[in-house]
C-alpha atoms as a PDB file:
ATOM      1  CA  UNK A   1      -3.852 -34.464 -14.911  1.00  0.00           C
ATOM      2  CA  UNK A   2      -2.352 -33.062 -11.727  1.00  0.00           C
ATOM      3  CA  UNK A   3       0.473 -30.571 -12.359  1.00  0.00           C
ATOM      4  CA  UNK A   4       4.042 -31.418 -11.468  1.00  0.00           C
ATOM      5  CA  UNK A   5       6.494 -28.598 -10.881  1.00  0.00           C
ATOM      6  CA  UNK A   6       6.728 -25.185  -9.219  1.00  0.00           C
ATOM      7  CA  UNK A   7       3.536 -23.599  -7.908  1.00  0.00           C
ATOM      8  CA  UNK A   8       3.283 -19.861  -7.374  1.00  0.00           C
ATOM      9  CA  UNK A   9       1.518 -18.740  -4.190  1.00  0.00           C
ATOM     10  CA  UNK A  10      -0.044 -15.290  -3.722  1.00  0.00           C
ATOM     11  CA  UNK A  11      -1.274 -13.956  -0.358  1.00  0.00           C
ATOM     12  CA  UNK A  12      -3.227 -10.671  -0.204  1.00  0.00           C
ATOM     13  CA  UNK A  13      -5.886 -11.288   2.449  1.00  0.00           C
ATOM     14  CA  UNK A  14      -5.158  -8.232   4.615  1.00  0.00           C
ATOM     15  CA  UNK A  15      -2.159  -5.920   4.987  1.00  0.00           C
ATOM     16  CA  UNK A  16       0.745  -8.055   3.776  1.00  0.00           C
ATOM     17  CA  UNK A  17       1.600  -8.900   0.188  1.00  0.00           C
ATOM     18  CA  UNK A  18       3.213 -12.341   0.029  1.00  0.00           C
ATOM     19  CA  UNK A  19       4.563 -14.288  -2.940  1.00  0.00           C
ATOM     20  CA  UNK A  20       6.345 -17.654  -2.937  1.00  0.00           C
ATOM     21  CA  UNK A  21       7.238 -20.574  -5.173  1.00  0.00           C
ATOM     22  CA  UNK A  22       6.871 -24.104  -3.802  1.00  0.00           C
ATOM     23  CA  UNK A  23       7.599 -27.461  -5.398  1.00  0.00           C
ATOM     24  CA  UNK A  24       6.265 -30.659  -3.820  1.00  0.00           C
ATOM     25  CA  UNK A  25       9.578 -32.375  -4.623  1.00  0.00           C
ATOM     26  CA  UNK A  26      12.135 -29.607  -4.028  1.00  0.00           C
ATOM     27  CA  UNK A  27      10.281 -27.690  -1.325  1.00  0.00           C
ATOM     28  CA  UNK A  28      10.227 -23.920  -0.934  1.00  0.00           C
ATOM     29  CA  UNK A  29      12.239 -22.307  -3.735  1.00  0.00           C
ATOM     30  CA  UNK A  30      11.825 -18.623  -2.851  1.00  0.00           C
ATOM     31  CA  UNK A  31       9.488 -16.274  -1.042  1.00  0.00           C
ATOM     32  CA  UNK A  32       9.021 -12.533  -0.647  1.00  0.00           C
ATOM     33  CA  UNK A  33       6.913 -10.386   1.652  1.00  0.00           C
ATOM     34  CA  UNK A  34       5.930  -6.741   1.772  1.00  0.00           C
ATOM     35  CA  UNK A  35       4.233  -5.424   4.921  1.00  0.00           C
ATOM     36  CA  UNK A  36       1.947  -2.401   4.989  1.00  0.00           C
ATOM     37  CA  UNK A  37       2.388  -1.857   8.736  1.00  0.00           C
ATOM     38  CA  UNK A  38       4.022   1.565   8.426  1.00  0.00           C
ATOM     39  CA  UNK A  39       1.253   2.853   6.161  1.00  0.00           C
ATOM     40  CA  UNK A  40      -1.563   1.702   8.452  1.00  0.00           C
ATOM     41  CA  UNK A  41       0.218   2.835  11.644  1.00  0.00           C
ATOM     42  CA  UNK A  42      -0.829   6.418  10.887  1.00  0.00           C
ATOM     43  CA  UNK A  43      -4.468   5.336  11.258  1.00  0.00           C
ATOM     44  CA  UNK A  44      -4.024   2.957  14.200  1.00  0.00           C
ATOM     45  CA  UNK A  45      -5.296  -0.048  12.237  1.00  0.00           C
ATOM     46  CA  UNK A  46      -5.816  -1.496   8.781  1.00  0.00           C
ATOM     47  CA  UNK A  47      -7.704   0.702   6.293  1.00  0.00           C
ATOM     48  CA  UNK A  48      -9.202  -1.774   3.761  1.00  0.00           C
ATOM     49  CA  UNK A  49      -9.214   0.548   0.736  1.00  0.00           C
ATOM     50  CA  UNK A  50      -5.605   1.569   1.283  1.00  0.00           C
ATOM     51  CA  UNK A  51      -4.642  -2.080   1.761  1.00  0.00           C
ATOM     52  CA  UNK A  52      -6.191  -3.040  -1.594  1.00  0.00           C
ATOM     53  CA  UNK A  53      -4.478  -0.214  -3.456  1.00  0.00           C
ATOM     54  CA  UNK A  54      -1.106  -1.067  -1.956  1.00  0.00           C
ATOM     55  CA  UNK A  55      -1.466  -4.714  -3.009  1.00  0.00           C
ATOM     56  CA  UNK A  56      -2.029  -3.465  -6.585  1.00  0.00           C
ATOM     57  CA  UNK A  57       1.192  -1.446  -6.417  1.00  0.00           C
ATOM     58  CA  UNK A  58       3.394  -4.071  -4.779  1.00  0.00           C
ATOM     59  CA  UNK A  59       2.203  -7.461  -6.069  1.00  0.00           C
ATOM     60  CA  UNK A  60       3.687  -7.637  -9.578  1.00  0.00           C
ATOM     61  CA  UNK A  61       7.144  -6.242  -8.655  1.00  0.00           C
ATOM     62  CA  UNK A  62       7.301  -8.680  -5.729  1.00  0.00           C
ATOM     63  CA  UNK A  63       6.193 -11.527  -8.002  1.00  0.00           C
ATOM     64  CA  UNK A  64       8.937 -10.765 -10.544  1.00  0.00           C
ATOM     65  CA  UNK A  65      11.574 -10.504  -7.811  1.00  0.00           C
ATOM     66  CA  UNK A  66      10.523 -13.787  -6.170  1.00  0.00           C
ATOM     67  CA  UNK A  67      10.596 -15.689  -9.464  1.00  0.00           C
ATOM     68  CA  UNK A  68      14.047 -14.253 -10.218  1.00  0.00           C
ATOM     69  CA  UNK A  69      15.385 -15.394  -6.833  1.00  0.00           C
ATOM     70  CA  UNK A  70      13.969 -18.851  -7.526  1.00  0.00           C
ATOM     71  CA  UNK A  71      15.778 -18.850 -10.869  1.00  0.00           C
ATOM     72  CA  UNK A  72      12.484 -19.251 -12.730  1.00  0.00           C
ATOM     73  CA  UNK A  73      10.378 -17.504 -15.318  1.00  0.00           C
ATOM     74  CA  UNK A  74       6.606 -17.500 -15.487  1.00  0.00           C
ATOM     75  CA  UNK A  75       6.754 -20.168 -18.189  1.00  0.00           C
ATOM     76  CA  UNK A  76       8.282 -22.570 -15.657  1.00  0.00           C
ATOM     77  CA  UNK A  77       5.210 -22.490 -13.404  1.00  0.00           C
ATOM     78  CA  UNK A  78       3.025 -25.581 -13.225  1.00  0.00           C
ATOM     79  CA  UNK A  79       0.208 -23.925 -11.282  1.00  0.00           C
ATOM     80  CA  UNK A  80      -0.899 -20.851  -9.361  1.00  0.00           C
ATOM     81  CA  UNK A  81      -2.412 -20.694  -5.849  1.00  0.00           C
ATOM     82  CA  UNK A  82      -3.933 -17.643  -4.205  1.00  0.00           C
ATOM     83  CA  UNK A  83      -5.742 -16.773  -1.001  1.00  0.00           C
ATOM     84  CA  UNK A  84      -9.472 -16.823  -1.788  1.00  0.00           C
ATOM     85  CA  UNK A  85     -10.610 -16.134   1.794  1.00  0.00           C
ATOM     86  CA  UNK A  86     -11.256 -15.364   4.542  1.00  0.00           C
ATOM     87  CA  UNK A  87     -10.082 -11.757   4.436  1.00  0.00           C
ATOM     88  CA  UNK A  88     -10.806  -8.237   3.196  1.00  0.00           C
ATOM     89  CA  UNK A  89     -12.803  -8.559   0.004  1.00  0.00           C
ATOM     90  CA  UNK A  90     -10.920  -5.864  -1.924  1.00  0.00           C
ATOM     91  CA  UNK A  91      -7.526  -7.194  -0.919  1.00  0.00           C
ATOM     92  CA  UNK A  92      -8.528 -10.756  -1.787  1.00  0.00           C
ATOM     93  CA  UNK A  93      -9.720  -9.675  -5.238  1.00  0.00           C
ATOM     94  CA  UNK A  94      -6.340  -8.162  -6.076  1.00  0.00           C
ATOM     95  CA  UNK A  95      -4.538 -11.468  -5.536  1.00  0.00           C
ATOM     96  CA  UNK A  96      -7.302 -13.550  -7.112  1.00  0.00           C
ATOM     97  CA  UNK A  97      -7.427 -11.419 -10.267  1.00  0.00           C
ATOM     98  CA  UNK A  98      -3.658 -11.528 -10.700  1.00  0.00           C
ATOM     99  CA  UNK A  99      -3.489 -15.285 -10.079  1.00  0.00           C
ATOM    100  CA  UNK A 100      -6.401 -16.203 -12.357  1.00  0.00           C
ATOM    101  CA  UNK A 101      -5.092 -13.953 -15.145  1.00  0.00           C
ATOM    102  CA  UNK A 102      -1.617 -15.433 -14.952  1.00  0.00           C
ATOM    103  CA  UNK A 103      -2.920 -19.005 -14.864  1.00  0.00           C
ATOM    104  CA  UNK A 104      -5.182 -18.348 -17.857  1.00  0.00           C
ATOM    105  CA  UNK A 105      -2.339 -16.787 -19.856  1.00  0.00           C
ATOM    106  CA  UNK A 106      -0.018 -19.718 -19.098  1.00  0.00           C
ATOM    107  CA  UNK A 107      -2.655 -22.419 -19.529  1.00  0.00           C
ATOM    108  CA  UNK A 108      -1.946 -23.870 -16.071  1.00  0.00           C
ATOM    109  CA  UNK A 109      -4.399 -24.752 -13.277  1.00  0.00           C
ATOM    110  CA  UNK A 110      -5.142 -22.385 -10.427  1.00  0.00           C
ATOM    111  CA  UNK A 111      -6.698 -22.905  -7.025  1.00  0.00           C
ATOM    112  CA  UNK A 112      -8.060 -20.650  -4.308  1.00  0.00           C
ATOM    113  CA  UNK A 113      -6.588 -21.471  -0.901  1.00  0.00           C
ATOM    114  CA  UNK A 114      -8.269 -21.060   2.476  1.00  0.00           C
ATOM    115  CA  UNK A 115      -6.145 -18.612   4.456  1.00  0.00           C
ATOM    116  CA  UNK A 116      -6.444 -20.574   7.706  1.00  0.00           C
ATOM    117  CA  UNK A 117      -5.548 -23.853   6.008  1.00  0.00           C
ATOM    118  CA  UNK A 118      -2.390 -22.099   4.855  1.00  0.00           C
ATOM    119  CA  UNK A 119      -1.540 -21.204   8.458  1.00  0.00           C
ATOM    120  CA  UNK A 120      -2.459 -24.690   9.637  1.00  0.00           C
ATOM    121  CA  UNK A 121      -0.055 -26.298   7.148  1.00  0.00           C
ATOM    122  CA  UNK A 122       2.773 -23.765   7.583  1.00  0.00           C
ATOM    123  CA  UNK A 123       4.756 -26.022   9.985  1.00  0.00           C
ATOM    124  CA  UNK A 124       5.144 -28.474   7.067  1.00  0.00           C
ATOM    125  CA  UNK A 125       7.488 -25.900   5.535  1.00  0.00           C
ATOM    126  CA  UNK A 126       9.888 -26.808   8.364  1.00  0.00           C
ATOM    127  CA  UNK A 127       9.220 -30.530   8.612  1.00  0.00           C
ATOM    128  CA  UNK A 128       7.746 -32.423   5.662  1.00  0.00           C
ATOM    129  CA  UNK A 129       7.458 -35.543   7.860  1.00  0.00           C
ATOM    130  CA  UNK A 130       4.820 -33.850  10.016  1.00  0.00           C
ATOM    131  CA  UNK A 131       1.567 -35.555   9.097  1.00  0.00           C
ATOM    132  CA  UNK A 132      -1.957 -35.802  10.540  1.00  0.00           C
ATOM    133  CA  UNK A 133      -3.524 -36.705  12.820  1.00  0.00           C
ATOM    134  CA  UNK A 134      -2.740 -33.709  15.019  1.00  0.00           C
ATOM    135  CA  UNK A 135      -4.447 -30.909  16.901  1.00  0.00           C
ATOM    136  CA  UNK A 136      -3.901 -27.386  15.582  1.00  0.00           C
ATOM    137  CA  UNK A 137      -4.009 -24.151  17.547  1.00  0.00           C
ATOM    138  CA  UNK A 138      -4.644 -21.316  15.071  1.00  0.00           C
ATOM    139  CA  UNK A 139      -4.046 -18.149  17.029  1.00  0.00           C
ATOM    140  CA  UNK A 140      -3.848 -14.739  15.375  1.00  0.00           C
ATOM    141  CA  UNK A 141      -5.392 -11.272  15.286  1.00  0.00           C
ATOM    142  CA  UNK A 142      -8.609 -12.594  13.808  1.00  0.00           C
ATOM    143  CA  UNK A 143      -8.820 -16.186  15.016  1.00  0.00           C
ATOM    144  CA  UNK A 144      -8.296 -18.327  18.089  1.00  0.00           C
ATOM    145  CA  UNK A 145      -9.333 -21.863  17.201  1.00  0.00           C
ATOM    146  CA  UNK A 146      -8.523 -25.418  18.201  1.00  0.00           C
ATOM    147  CA  UNK A 147      -8.960 -27.857  15.322  1.00  0.00           C
ATOM    148  CA  UNK A 148      -8.680 -31.622  15.149  1.00  0.00           C
ATOM    149  CA  UNK A 149      -6.930 -32.543  11.907  1.00  0.00           C
ATOM    150  CA  UNK A 150      -7.653 -36.117  10.845  1.00  0.00           C
ATOM    151  CA  UNK A 151      -6.171 -35.514   7.385  1.00  0.00           C
ATOM    152  CA  UNK A 152      -5.466 -32.515   5.192  1.00  0.00           C
ATOM    153  CA  UNK A 153      -8.903 -31.146   4.400  1.00  0.00           C
ATOM    154  CA  UNK A 154     -10.629 -33.139   7.158  1.00  0.00           C
ATOM    155  CA  UNK A 155     -11.017 -30.651   9.981  1.00  0.00           C
ATOM    156  CA  UNK A 156     -13.217 -30.640  13.071  1.00  0.00           C
ATOM    157  CA  UNK A 157     -13.584 -27.473  15.113  1.00  0.00           C
ATOM    158  CA  UNK A 158     -12.969 -28.223  18.788  1.00  0.00           C
ATOM    159  CA  UNK A 159     -13.007 -24.727  20.197  1.00  0.00           C
ATOM    160  CA  UNK A 160     -13.381 -21.138  19.000  1.00  0.00           C
ATOM    161  CA  UNK A 161     -13.308 -17.662  20.472  1.00  0.00           C
ATOM    162  CA  UNK A 162     -16.639 -16.257  21.618  1.00  0.00           C
ATOM    163  CA  UNK A 163     -15.473 -12.645  21.230  1.00  0.00           C
ATOM    164  CA  UNK A 164     -11.988 -11.189  20.767  1.00  0.00           C
ATOM    165  CA  UNK A 165      -9.274 -13.390  19.292  1.00  0.00           C
ATOM    166  CA  UNK A 166      -6.034 -13.588  21.284  1.00  0.00           C
ATOM    167  CA  UNK A 167      -4.127 -11.389  18.848  1.00  0.00           C
ATOM    168  CA  UNK A 168      -6.979  -8.874  18.801  1.00  0.00           C
ATOM    169  CA  UNK A 169      -6.902  -8.774  22.603  1.00  0.00           C
ATOM    170  CA  UNK A 170      -3.145  -8.107  22.473  1.00  0.00           C
ATOM    171  CA  UNK A 171      -3.640  -5.224  20.026  1.00  0.00           C
ATOM    172  CA  UNK A 172      -6.575  -3.642  21.883  1.00  0.00           C
ATOM    173  CA  UNK A 173      -4.847  -3.929  25.258  1.00  0.00           C
ATOM    174  CA  UNK A 174      -1.709  -2.318  23.850  1.00  0.00           C
ATOM    175  CA  UNK A 175      -3.777   0.522  22.413  1.00  0.00           C
ATOM    176  CA  UNK A 176      -5.584   1.258  25.673  1.00  0.00           C
ATOM    177  CA  UNK A 177      -2.169   1.573  27.382  1.00  0.00           C
ATOM    178  CA  UNK A 178      -0.923   3.970  24.709  1.00  0.00           C
ATOM    179  CA  UNK A 179       1.417   1.674  22.795  1.00  0.00           C
ATOM    180  CA  UNK A 180       1.993   2.352  19.107  1.00  0.00           C
ATOM    181  CA  UNK A 181       0.445   0.234  16.319  1.00  0.00           C
ATOM    182  CA  UNK A 182       0.889  -2.671  15.804  1.00  0.00           C
ATOM    183  CA  UNK A 183       0.389  -3.054  19.516  1.00  0.00           C
ATOM    184  CA  UNK A 184       0.584  -6.828  20.007  1.00  0.00           C
ATOM    185  CA  UNK A 185       4.322  -7.249  19.340  1.00  0.00           C
ATOM    186  CA  UNK A 186       5.065  -4.047  21.274  1.00  0.00           C
ATOM    187  CA  UNK A 187       3.144  -5.332  24.292  1.00  0.00           C
ATOM    188  CA  UNK A 188       4.990  -8.668  24.160  1.00  0.00           C
ATOM    189  CA  UNK A 189       8.342  -6.860  24.138  1.00  0.00           C
ATOM    190  CA  UNK A 190       7.261  -4.679  27.047  1.00  0.00           C
ATOM    191  CA  UNK A 191       6.129  -7.737  29.026  1.00  0.00           C
ATOM    192  CA  UNK A 192       9.737  -8.940  29.180  1.00  0.00           C
ATOM    193  CA  UNK A 193      10.493  -5.942  31.435  1.00  0.00           C
ATOM    194  CA  UNK A 194       7.596  -6.591  33.816  1.00  0.00           C
ATOM    195  CA  UNK A 195       7.883  -7.927  37.352  1.00  0.00           C
ATOM    196  CA  UNK A 196       6.417 -11.324  38.144  1.00  0.00           C
ATOM    197  CA  UNK A 197       3.383 -11.188  40.432  1.00  0.00           C
ATOM    198  CA  UNK A 198       2.924  -7.418  40.375  1.00  0.00           C
ATOM    199  CA  UNK A 199      -0.511  -7.953  38.809  1.00  0.00           C
ATOM    200  CA  UNK A 200      -2.592 -11.027  38.170  1.00  0.00           C
ATOM    201  CA  UNK A 201      -5.525 -11.397  35.797  1.00  0.00           C
ATOM    202  CA  UNK A 202      -8.056 -14.181  35.301  1.00  0.00           C
ATOM    203  CA  UNK A 203      -7.483 -17.133  32.973  1.00  0.00           C
ATOM    204  CA  UNK A 204     -10.817 -16.873  31.115  1.00  0.00           C
ATOM    205  CA  UNK A 205     -13.010 -19.984  30.853  1.00  0.00           C
ATOM    206  CA  UNK A 206     -10.374 -22.314  32.312  1.00  0.00           C
ATOM    207  CA  UNK A 207     -12.509 -22.932  35.412  1.00  0.00           C
ATOM    208  CA  UNK A 208     -15.169 -24.805  33.422  1.00  0.00           C
ATOM    209  CA  UNK A 209     -15.167 -27.649  30.887  1.00  0.00           C
ATOM    210  CA  UNK A 210     -14.861 -26.945  27.197  1.00  0.00           C
ATOM    211  CA  UNK A 211     -12.411 -25.656  24.621  1.00  0.00           C
ATOM    212  CA  UNK A 212     -13.872 -22.273  23.681  1.00  0.00           C
ATOM    213  CA  UNK A 213     -12.091 -18.995  24.415  1.00  0.00           C
ATOM    214  CA  UNK A 214     -13.159 -15.535  25.596  1.00  0.00           C
ATOM    215  CA  UNK A 215     -10.754 -12.627  26.015  1.00  0.00           C
ATOM    216  CA  UNK A 216     -12.980  -9.519  26.144  1.00  0.00           C
ATOM    217  CA  UNK A 217     -13.339  -9.739  29.941  1.00  0.00           C
ATOM    218  CA  UNK A 218      -9.571  -9.990  30.344  1.00  0.00           C
ATOM    219  CA  UNK A 219      -9.193  -6.821  28.294  1.00  0.00           C
ATOM    220  CA  UNK A 220     -11.628  -5.065  30.656  1.00  0.00           C
ATOM    221  CA  UNK A 221      -9.618  -6.199  33.698  1.00  0.00           C
ATOM    222  CA  UNK A 222      -6.494  -4.673  32.177  1.00  0.00           C
ATOM    223  CA  UNK A 223      -8.311  -1.415  31.452  1.00  0.00           C
ATOM    224  CA  UNK A 224      -9.485  -1.115  35.069  1.00  0.00           C
ATOM    225  CA  UNK A 225      -6.014  -1.955  36.399  1.00  0.00           C
ATOM    226  CA  UNK A 226      -4.395   0.606  34.112  1.00  0.00           C
ATOM    227  CA  UNK A 227      -6.891   3.356  34.963  1.00  0.00           C
ATOM    228  CA  UNK A 228      -6.401   2.746  38.686  1.00  0.00           C
ATOM    229  CA  UNK A 229      -2.596   2.681  38.530  1.00  0.00           C
ATOM    230  CA  UNK A 230       0.098   5.369  38.592  1.00  0.00           C
ATOM    231  CA  UNK A 231       0.602   4.725  34.837  1.00  0.00           C
ATOM    232  CA  UNK A 232       4.361   4.672  35.188  1.00  0.00           C
ATOM    233  CA  UNK A 233       6.601   2.881  32.700  1.00  0.00           C
ATOM    234  CA  UNK A 234       7.237   0.071  35.192  1.00  0.00           C
ATOM    235  CA  UNK A 235       3.534  -0.357  35.915  1.00  0.00           C
ATOM    236  CA  UNK A 236       2.865  -0.478  32.190  1.00  0.00           C
ATOM    237  CA  UNK A 237       5.452  -3.275  31.859  1.00  0.00           C
ATOM    238  CA  UNK A 238       4.041  -5.104  34.898  1.00  0.00           C
ATOM    239  CA  UNK A 239       0.512  -5.051  33.460  1.00  0.00           C
ATOM    240  CA  UNK A 240       1.812  -6.166  30.069  1.00  0.00           C
ATOM    241  CA  UNK A 241       3.543  -9.133  31.693  1.00  0.00           C
ATOM    242  CA  UNK A 242       0.476 -10.148  33.701  1.00  0.00           C
ATOM    243  CA  UNK A 243      -1.723  -9.843  30.619  1.00  0.00           C
ATOM    244  CA  UNK A 244       0.623 -11.935  28.458  1.00  0.00           C
ATOM    245  CA  UNK A 245       0.851 -14.595  31.173  1.00  0.00           C
ATOM    246  CA  UNK A 246      -2.960 -14.773  31.376  1.00  0.00           C
ATOM    247  CA  UNK A 247      -3.302 -15.217  27.600  1.00  0.00           C
ATOM    248  CA  UNK A 248      -0.527 -17.806  27.416  1.00  0.00           C
ATOM    249  CA  UNK A 249      -1.736 -19.794  30.428  1.00  0.00           C
ATOM    250  CA  UNK A 250      -5.248 -19.889  28.964  1.00  0.00           C
ATOM    251  CA  UNK A 251      -3.993 -21.122  25.591  1.00  0.00           C
ATOM    252  CA  UNK A 252      -1.817 -23.781  27.247  1.00  0.00           C
ATOM    253  CA  UNK A 253      -4.694 -25.075  29.395  1.00  0.00           C
ATOM    254  CA  UNK A 254      -6.979 -25.383  26.376  1.00  0.00           C
ATOM    255  CA  UNK A 255      -4.287 -27.079  24.254  1.00  0.00           C
ATOM    256  CA  UNK A 256      -3.696 -29.671  26.977  1.00  0.00           C
ATOM    257  CA  UNK A 257      -7.432 -30.353  27.168  1.00  0.00           C
ATOM    258  CA  UNK A 258      -7.713 -30.675  23.403  1.00  0.00           C
ATOM    259  CA  UNK A 259      -4.883 -33.202  23.228  1.00  0.00           C
ATOM    260  CA  UNK A 260      -6.367 -35.106  26.135  1.00  0.00           C
ATOM    261  CA  UNK A 261      -9.637 -35.429  24.238  1.00  0.00           C
ATOM    262  CA  UNK A 262      -7.948 -36.448  20.991  1.00  0.00           C
ATOM    263  CA  UNK A 263      -6.136 -39.548  19.842  1.00  0.00           C
ATOM    264  CA  UNK A 264      -3.361 -37.320  18.461  1.00  0.00           C
ATOM    265  CA  UNK A 265      -0.093 -36.724  20.311  1.00  0.00           C
ATOM    266  CA  UNK A 266       1.057 -33.713  18.262  1.00  0.00           C
ATOM    267  CA  UNK A 267       0.100 -30.066  18.584  1.00  0.00           C
ATOM    268  CA  UNK A 268       0.669 -27.688  15.668  1.00  0.00           C
ATOM    269  CA  UNK A 269       0.709 -23.975  16.506  1.00  0.00           C
ATOM    270  CA  UNK A 270       0.269 -21.395  13.748  1.00  0.00           C
ATOM    271  CA  UNK A 271      -0.793 -17.793  13.245  1.00  0.00           C
ATOM    272  CA  UNK A 272       0.766 -14.507  14.295  1.00  0.00           C
ATOM    273  CA  UNK A 273       0.495 -15.103  18.053  1.00  0.00           C
ATOM    274  CA  UNK A 274       2.369 -18.368  17.440  1.00  0.00           C
ATOM    275  CA  UNK A 275       5.480 -16.180  17.234  1.00  0.00           C
ATOM    276  CA  UNK A 276       5.102 -15.172  20.890  1.00  0.00           C
ATOM    277  CA  UNK A 277       8.230 -16.290  22.733  1.00  0.00           C
ATOM    278  CA  UNK A 278       6.500 -16.965  26.061  1.00  0.00           C
ATOM    279  CA  UNK A 279       3.816 -19.108  24.405  1.00  0.00           C
ATOM    280  CA  UNK A 280       6.446 -21.159  22.595  1.00  0.00           C
ATOM    281  CA  UNK A 281       8.444 -21.702  25.767  1.00  0.00           C
ATOM    282  CA  UNK A 282       5.441 -22.724  27.866  1.00  0.00           C
ATOM    283  CA  UNK A 283       4.057 -25.144  25.279  1.00  0.00           C
ATOM    284  CA  UNK A 284       7.486 -26.696  24.742  1.00  0.00           C
ATOM    285  CA  UNK A 285       7.909 -27.223  28.497  1.00  0.00           C
ATOM    286  CA  UNK A 286       4.473 -28.798  28.921  1.00  0.00           C
ATOM    287  CA  UNK A 287       4.962 -31.004  25.869  1.00  0.00           C
ATOM    288  CA  UNK A 288       8.285 -32.225  27.254  1.00  0.00           C
ATOM    289  CA  UNK A 289       6.754 -33.082  30.630  1.00  0.00           C
ATOM    290  CA  UNK A 290       3.658 -34.773  29.251  1.00  0.00           C
ATOM    291  CA  UNK A 291       5.203 -36.615  26.318  1.00  0.00           C
ATOM    292  CA  UNK A 292       3.532 -34.986  23.337  1.00  0.00           C
ATOM    293  CA  UNK A 293       5.060 -33.093  20.470  1.00  0.00           C
ATOM    294  CA  UNK A 294       4.590 -29.428  19.577  1.00  0.00           C
ATOM    295  CA  UNK A 295       5.472 -27.992  16.158  1.00  0.00           C
ATOM    296  CA  UNK A 296       5.825 -24.333  15.179  1.00  0.00           C
ATOM    297  CA  UNK A 297       6.634 -22.688  11.866  1.00  0.00           C
ATOM    298  CA  UNK A 298       9.642 -20.396  11.887  1.00  0.00           C
ATOM    299  CA  UNK A 299       8.815 -16.838  12.962  1.00  0.00           C
ATOM    300  CA  UNK A 300       8.594 -15.407   9.439  1.00  0.00           C
ATOM    301  CA  UNK A 301       5.934 -18.004   8.562  1.00  0.00           C
ATOM    302  CA  UNK A 302       3.735 -17.339  11.613  1.00  0.00           C
ATOM    303  CA  UNK A 303       2.328 -14.123  10.177  1.00  0.00           C
ATOM    304  CA  UNK A 304       0.628 -13.948   6.758  1.00  0.00           C
ATOM    305  CA  UNK A 305       2.959 -15.055   3.962  1.00  0.00           C
ATOM    306  CA  UNK A 306       2.983 -16.459   0.446  1.00  0.00           C
ATOM    307  CA  UNK A 307       4.898 -19.617   1.343  1.00  0.00           C
ATOM    308  CA  UNK A 308       2.011 -21.152   3.261  1.00  0.00           C
ATOM    309  CA  UNK A 309      -0.360 -20.419   0.357  1.00  0.00           C
ATOM    310  CA  UNK A 310       2.037 -21.908  -2.184  1.00  0.00           C
ATOM    311  CA  UNK A 311       2.416 -25.051  -0.045  1.00  0.00           C
ATOM    312  CA  UNK A 312      -1.316 -25.542   0.539  1.00  0.00           C
ATOM    313  CA  UNK A 313      -2.079 -24.851  -3.108  1.00  0.00           C
ATOM    314  CA  UNK A 314       0.641 -27.186  -4.364  1.00  0.00           C
ATOM    315  CA  UNK A 315      -0.707 -30.041  -2.239  1.00  0.00           C
ATOM    316  CA  UNK A 316      -4.238 -29.578  -3.532  1.00  0.00           C
ATOM    317  CA  UNK A 317      -3.174 -29.143  -7.152  1.00  0.00           C
ATOM    318  CA  UNK A 318      -1.038 -32.289  -6.874  1.00  0.00           C
ATOM    319  CA  UNK A 319      -4.167 -34.103  -5.671  1.00  0.00           C
ATOM    320  CA  UNK A 320      -5.958 -33.053  -8.846  1.00  0.00           C
ATOM    321  CA  UNK A 321      -8.033 -30.243  -7.366  1.00  0.00           C
ATOM    322  CA  UNK A 322      -8.374 -26.878  -9.086  1.00  0.00           C
ATOM    323  CA  UNK A 323     -10.741 -23.915  -9.221  1.00  0.00           C
ATOM    324  CA  UNK A 324     -13.129 -22.878 -11.976  1.00  0.00           C
ATOM    325  CA  UNK A 325     -11.891 -20.002 -14.180  1.00  0.00           C
ATOM    326  CA  UNK A 326     -14.112 -17.356 -12.537  1.00  0.00           C
ATOM    327  CA  UNK A 327     -12.477 -14.829 -10.220  1.00  0.00           C
ATOM    328  CA  UNK A 328     -14.168 -15.602  -6.918  1.00  0.00           C
ATOM    329  CA  UNK A 329     -13.272 -14.845  -3.308  1.00  0.00           C
ATOM    330  CA  UNK A 330     -14.955 -15.668  -0.003  1.00  0.00           C
ATOM    331  CA  UNK A 331     -14.433 -13.026   2.710  1.00  0.00           C
ATOM    332  CA  UNK A 332     -16.204 -15.445   5.098  1.00  0.00           C
ATOM    333  CA  UNK A 333     -15.339 -19.095   4.575  1.00  0.00           C
ATOM    334  CA  UNK A 334     -15.801 -21.798   7.247  1.00  0.00           C
ATOM    335  CA  UNK A 335     -12.800 -24.108   7.348  1.00  0.00           C
ATOM    336  CA  UNK A 336     -15.077 -27.144   7.679  1.00  0.00           C
ATOM    337  CA  UNK A 337     -16.392 -26.560   4.146  1.00  0.00           C
ATOM    338  CA  UNK A 338     -13.068 -27.506   2.558  1.00  0.00           C
ATOM    339  CA  UNK A 339     -12.934 -30.848   0.712  1.00  0.00           C
ATOM    340  CA  UNK A 340     -10.520 -33.523   1.857  1.00  0.00           C
ATOM    341  CA  UNK A 341      -7.212 -33.645   0.021  1.00  0.00           C
ATOM    342  CA  UNK A 342      -7.933 -37.218  -1.073  1.00  0.00           C
ATOM    343  CA  UNK A 343     -11.280 -38.986  -1.303  1.00  0.00           C
ATOM    344  CA  UNK A 344     -11.814 -41.820   1.178  1.00  0.00           C
END
């Protein structure tokens, strides 16, 4: 029998420990997040072993605090959801082991959630009326994908990145210009101080048909521009602005194409780069002109979080799906391999 009641969600795929409690009737009851950014900043990027150890230290205290803020005890849980992949294998195992152990002790079902499905469904935390079909842009440090969503669990990949993801390109470009880790958000803030038209970079793969992405060449253009410049603070801001505009314009062009090729009239944007202010503004303007709808999660649910895992897990548990008792994770896990939420 499908569980009815609060579902605990645990996210430990990379460098953020997220815990949340979601109920399919009452919605999101509480959520908590601990970021490891300061720890990894010393190394200029995520150190997998340190990430795993920090999840071990932070997960149970965060879990207790989140349940307390929801006004619940562990005995009130009807199910447990956890990120099973994709992600860092050690980090994933921390969350999976905790979730499976808790579910076993309570005698409740558990389910491993696909990290990208969590991101894809995150806008439902804002608007429960948002339903497929829609096109999803999943844009983060590790992924830049356009997906046609016929139903929850029925996904068709329309376009993918051939090299760097958009968020990865942000981070690498920031690093080559000397910005501190994490570079993507710092570069976006710096771009706001840049002058329009001071530099212009290509909009990769927008001059040919198709929905795939490629950002490595854009990164090289920025490197050459930076090396040949006076490297002043204003030039740094000007390059940051031109780079951000190139990324955003490319994403907007591909989203318009994807909607034009789909029967859907709604675009869902999720993932860390979905928090970018310029991207949100440009997509909202285009959607208003062309008569389609664009939906974003709130900023705190763009990056990795437990709420999206609790939501995705609660939906699948409510549909009667659950995982076998073994502690299993999938560091690589194609989204297309997920089963549909409901059988046809």
